[in-house]
């Protein structure tokens, strides 16, 4: 469960990007008790908590909440901490994400993600929505590792170029980091990935970025 001091919390505030699809049923809000989860203060101003202890702000349906909860559980299992609050929305029109599967605005307060992948209860559509959610949360995780002023530079691990409008998506360092982190958190033996790298390289980059091995199940061909 996504918890804050032991209680499930979903704020009723609609995200600025997308919000809940028309006709969706909001998950009810439960007030949090006064005791907050243990937090970690990073060099900047970001407070990090266990992924299953953070507060999700946004009006999302039960099905959408299940996707986010699954993704946060994977971050928690890998011991990757996230900011204490994240604003989440789903936009099935795709307008919010300008044609991309998702959107991350890490400089917003709190950080904000939007997921624009259609989804179902199972199958390829659900997997695509799960990958998009992991990818956007990986951006939030990456940005929170530094002092908050910019993306920590991991070109020595993943290669690529510093981020900019004139740099292709595949060459942006921050996108490469998110691809590696999301790959390492999937729960599939055969993992779809937007990268030309062999899976053994993705495995090694995940370890270098996070200090942890990718979550199981991992195919033997991907192990160094």
Protein backbone atom coordinates (compact mmCIF):
# COMPACT_ATOMS: atom_id res chain seq x y z
CA UNK A 1 0.00 0.00 0.00
CA UNK A 2 1.02 3.60 -0.48
CA UNK A 3 1.14 4.77 3.13
CA UNK A 4 1.81 7.87 5.16
CA UNK A 5 2.37 7.03 8.81
CA UNK A 6 0.45 3.79 8.31
CA UNK A 7 -2.63 5.16 6.50
CA UNK A 8 -3.48 5.19 2.80
CA UNK A 9 -3.53 8.76 1.53
CA UNK A 10 -4.71 10.10 -1.81
CA UNK A 11 -5.19 13.86 -1.98
CA UNK A 12 -8.29 15.16 -3.71
CA UNK A 13 -6.38 17.84 -5.61
CA UNK A 14 -6.45 17.46 -9.37
CA UNK A 15 -3.09 17.57 -11.09
CA UNK A 16 -2.41 20.50 -13.38
CA UNK A 17 -1.53 18.06 -16.15
CA UNK A 18 -4.45 15.87 -17.12
CA UNK A 19 -6.33 14.85 -14.01
CA UNK A 20 -8.65 11.89 -13.93
CA UNK A 21 -10.29 10.69 -17.16
CA UNK A 22 -13.92 11.60 -17.62
CA UNK A 23 -16.19 9.16 -15.86
CA UNK A 24 -13.54 7.87 -13.47
CA UNK A 25 -14.31 7.03 -9.86
CA UNK A 26 -11.97 8.78 -7.38
CA UNK A 27 -10.37 6.76 -4.61
CA UNK A 28 -11.63 8.02 -1.24
CA UNK A 29 -9.31 10.13 0.88
CA UNK A 30 -8.20 8.93 4.30
CA UNK A 31 -6.70 11.44 6.71
CA UNK A 32 -3.17 10.68 7.84
CA UNK A 33 -2.35 10.37 11.54
CA UNK A 34 0.06 12.88 13.07
CA UNK A 35 3.02 10.50 12.99
CA UNK A 36 5.02 10.90 9.77
CA UNK A 37 7.34 8.26 8.28
CA UNK A 38 11.05 8.35 8.87
CA UNK A 39 12.69 10.70 6.38
CA UNK A 40 16.14 11.36 5.00
CA UNK A 41 17.39 14.89 4.32
CA UNK A 42 19.53 15.06 1.21
CA UNK A 43 22.21 17.68 0.49
CA UNK A 44 19.56 19.87 -1.14
CA UNK A 45 16.05 20.55 0.07
CA UNK A 46 14.49 17.24 -0.96
CA UNK A 47 13.17 15.00 1.81
CA UNK A 48 13.26 11.34 0.80
CA UNK A 49 11.13 8.54 2.23
CA UNK A 50 10.59 4.86 1.54
CA UNK A 51 8.58 4.65 -1.67
CA UNK A 52 5.61 3.02 0.07
CA UNK A 53 5.51 5.83 2.66
CA UNK A 54 5.11 8.77 0.33
CA UNK A 55 1.94 10.77 -0.26
CA UNK A 56 0.32 10.62 -3.70
CA UNK A 57 -1.56 13.82 -4.54
CA UNK A 58 -4.10 13.67 -7.33
CA UNK A 59 -7.55 12.37 -8.12
CA UNK A 60 -6.97 8.97 -9.70
CA UNK A 61 -9.14 5.91 -10.12
CA UNK A 62 -8.69 2.64 -8.27
CA UNK A 63 -7.20 1.02 -11.39
CA UNK A 64 -4.72 3.88 -11.79
CA UNK A 65 -3.87 3.74 -8.11
CA UNK A 66 -3.08 0.03 -8.50
CA UNK A 67 -0.54 0.82 -11.24
CA UNK A 68 1.14 3.53 -9.14
CA UNK A 69 1.13 1.34 -6.05
CA UNK A 70 2.75 -1.51 -7.98
CA UNK A 71 5.49 0.82 -9.24
CA UNK A 72 6.18 2.27 -5.79
CA UNK A 73 6.41 -1.23 -4.35
CA UNK A 74 9.12 -2.04 -6.90
CA UNK A 75 11.05 1.10 -5.88
CA UNK A 76 10.66 0.09 -2.25
CA UNK A 77 11.91 -3.44 -2.88
CA UNK A 78 15.02 -1.99 -4.54
CA UNK A 79 15.52 0.42 -1.60
CA UNK A 80 15.26 3.46 -3.88
CA UNK A 81 13.80 6.35 -1.90
CA UNK A 82 11.64 9.08 -3.37
CA UNK A 83 10.47 12.57 -2.38
CA UNK A 84 7.85 12.54 0.36
CA UNK A 85 5.09 13.84 -1.96
CA UNK A 86 4.45 13.32 -5.67
CA UNK A 87 1.56 14.63 -7.74
CA UNK A 88 0.21 12.00 -10.17
CA UNK A 89 -2.28 12.21 -13.03
CA UNK A 90 -3.36 10.00 -15.92
CA UNK A 91 -4.33 11.55 -19.26
CA UNK A 92 -5.58 8.96 -21.72
CA UNK A 93 -6.00 11.60 -24.44
CA UNK A 94 -2.21 11.92 -24.53
CA UNK A 95 -2.40 15.71 -24.77
CA UNK A 96 -0.54 16.31 -21.52
CA UNK A 97 2.44 14.25 -22.66
CA UNK A 98 2.64 15.68 -26.21
CA UNK A 99 2.63 12.21 -27.75
CA UNK A 100 5.05 10.62 -25.28
CA UNK A 101 4.06 7.79 -22.89
CA UNK A 102 4.57 10.01 -19.85
CA UNK A 103 5.70 13.35 -18.51
CA UNK A 104 7.79 14.33 -15.49
CA UNK A 105 8.04 17.82 -13.99
CA UNK A 106 10.56 17.27 -11.17
CA UNK A 107 11.01 20.97 -10.39
CA UNK A 108 7.36 21.40 -9.43
CA UNK A 109 6.51 21.38 -5.74
CA UNK A 110 5.75 18.59 -5.23
CA UNK A 111 7.28 16.79 -8.23
CA UNK A 112 4.66 15.89 -10.80
CA UNK A 113 4.25 12.98 -13.21
CA UNK A 114 1.59 12.24 -15.82
CA UNK A 115 0.98 8.87 -17.45
CA UNK A 116 -0.54 8.92 -20.93
CA UNK A 117 -0.47 5.22 -21.81
CA UNK A 118 -3.81 3.43 -22.18
CA UNK A 119 -4.09 0.55 -19.75
CA UNK A 120 -6.12 -2.56 -18.99
CA UNK A 121 -6.25 -5.12 -16.22
CA UNK A 122 -3.60 -7.31 -17.88
CA UNK A 123 -1.62 -7.82 -21.04
CA UNK A 124 0.53 -5.51 -23.13
CA UNK A 125 -1.41 -2.32 -22.39
CA UNK A 126 -0.98 -2.77 -18.63
CA UNK A 127 2.72 -3.52 -19.07
CA UNK A 128 3.21 -0.36 -21.15
CA UNK A 129 1.49 1.74 -18.47
CA UNK A 130 3.64 0.12 -15.79
CA UNK A 131 6.83 0.85 -17.74
CA UNK A 132 5.77 4.47 -18.27
CA UNK A 133 5.06 4.85 -14.54
CA UNK A 134 8.42 3.36 -13.57
CA UNK A 135 10.16 5.58 -16.13
CA UNK A 136 8.62 8.83 -14.87
CA UNK A 137 9.22 7.88 -11.22
CA UNK A 138 12.82 7.09 -12.19
CA UNK A 139 13.16 10.70 -13.37
CA UNK A 140 11.88 11.87 -9.96
CA UNK A 141 14.35 9.55 -8.20
CA UNK A 142 17.26 10.73 -10.39
CA UNK A 143 16.61 14.44 -9.86
CA UNK A 144 16.26 13.92 -6.08
CA UNK A 145 19.76 12.43 -5.80
CA UNK A 146 21.47 15.79 -6.26
CA UNK A 147 21.04 19.21 -4.67
CA UNK A 148 17.83 19.82 -6.60
CA UNK A 149 19.31 22.44 -8.93
CA UNK A 150 19.98 20.11 -11.87
CA UNK A 151 20.16 16.50 -12.96
CA UNK A 152 23.07 14.59 -11.37
CA UNK A 153 25.55 13.88 -14.16
CA UNK A 154 25.78 10.14 -14.82
CA UNK A 155 27.32 10.31 -18.28
CA UNK A 156 30.22 8.28 -16.97
CA UNK A 157 27.77 5.40 -16.42
CA UNK A 158 25.14 5.66 -19.15
CA UNK A 159 26.87 7.88 -21.72
CA UNK A 160 24.82 10.31 -23.76
CA UNK A 161 24.74 14.08 -23.64
CA UNK A 162 23.62 16.66 -21.13
CA UNK A 163 19.93 17.34 -21.45
CA UNK A 164 18.60 20.00 -23.81
CA UNK A 165 15.97 20.67 -26.42
CA UNK A 166 18.55 20.21 -29.16
CA UNK A 167 19.58 16.74 -27.92
CA UNK A 168 17.68 13.72 -29.26
CA UNK A 169 15.66 11.75 -26.69
CA UNK A 170 17.86 8.66 -27.07
CA UNK A 171 20.99 10.70 -26.41
CA UNK A 172 19.81 12.58 -23.31
CA UNK A 173 21.58 11.40 -20.19
CA UNK A 174 18.49 11.74 -17.99
CA UNK A 175 16.43 9.57 -20.36
CA UNK A 176 19.11 6.90 -20.41
CA UNK A 177 19.13 6.85 -16.60
CA UNK A 178 15.34 6.46 -16.50
CA UNK A 179 15.47 3.65 -19.07
CA UNK A 180 18.04 1.74 -17.02
CA UNK A 181 16.28 2.24 -13.68
CA UNK A 182 12.85 1.28 -15.05
CA UNK A 183 14.33 -1.81 -16.72
CA UNK A 184 15.90 -2.91 -13.44
CA UNK A 185 12.60 -2.61 -11.57
CA UNK A 186 10.34 -4.55 -13.95
CA UNK A 187 8.88 -7.87 -12.83
CA UNK A 188 9.19 -9.56 -16.22
CA UNK A 189 11.79 -12.19 -17.13
CA UNK A 190 11.90 -10.83 -20.69
CA UNK A 191 11.86 -7.08 -20.25
CA UNK A 192 10.91 -4.62 -23.00
CA UNK A 193 13.35 -1.72 -23.09
CA UNK A 194 13.88 1.40 -25.22
CA UNK A 195 17.60 0.80 -25.62
CA UNK A 196 19.95 -0.96 -28.03
CA UNK A 197 22.22 -2.09 -25.19
CA UNK A 198 22.47 -5.79 -24.27
CA UNK A 199 20.68 -6.58 -21.04
CA UNK A 200 23.96 -7.40 -19.28
CA UNK A 201 25.03 -3.77 -19.82
CA UNK A 202 21.70 -2.53 -18.44
CA UNK A 203 22.25 -4.75 -15.40
CA UNK A 204 25.73 -3.29 -14.80
CA UNK A 205 24.52 0.28 -15.28
CA UNK A 206 21.64 -0.27 -12.83
CA UNK A 207 24.13 -1.44 -10.18
CA UNK A 208 26.40 1.54 -10.83
CA UNK A 209 23.50 4.01 -10.61
CA UNK A 210 21.68 2.61 -7.60
CA UNK A 211 24.15 0.50 -5.64
CA UNK A 212 21.73 -2.44 -5.89
CA UNK A 213 21.20 -5.34 -8.26
CA UNK A 214 18.09 -5.34 -10.48
CA UNK A 215 14.99 -6.93 -9.02
CA UNK A 216 14.13 -10.52 -9.82
CA UNK A 217 13.27 -12.23 -12.03
CA UNK A 218 16.45 -11.72 -14.04
CA UNK A 219 17.29 -13.87 -17.05
CA UNK A 220 20.66 -15.63 -16.77
CA UNK A 221 21.91 -14.02 -19.98
CA UNK A 222 21.57 -10.61 -18.29
CA UNK A 223 23.76 -11.43 -15.29
CA UNK A 224 27.41 -10.33 -15.55
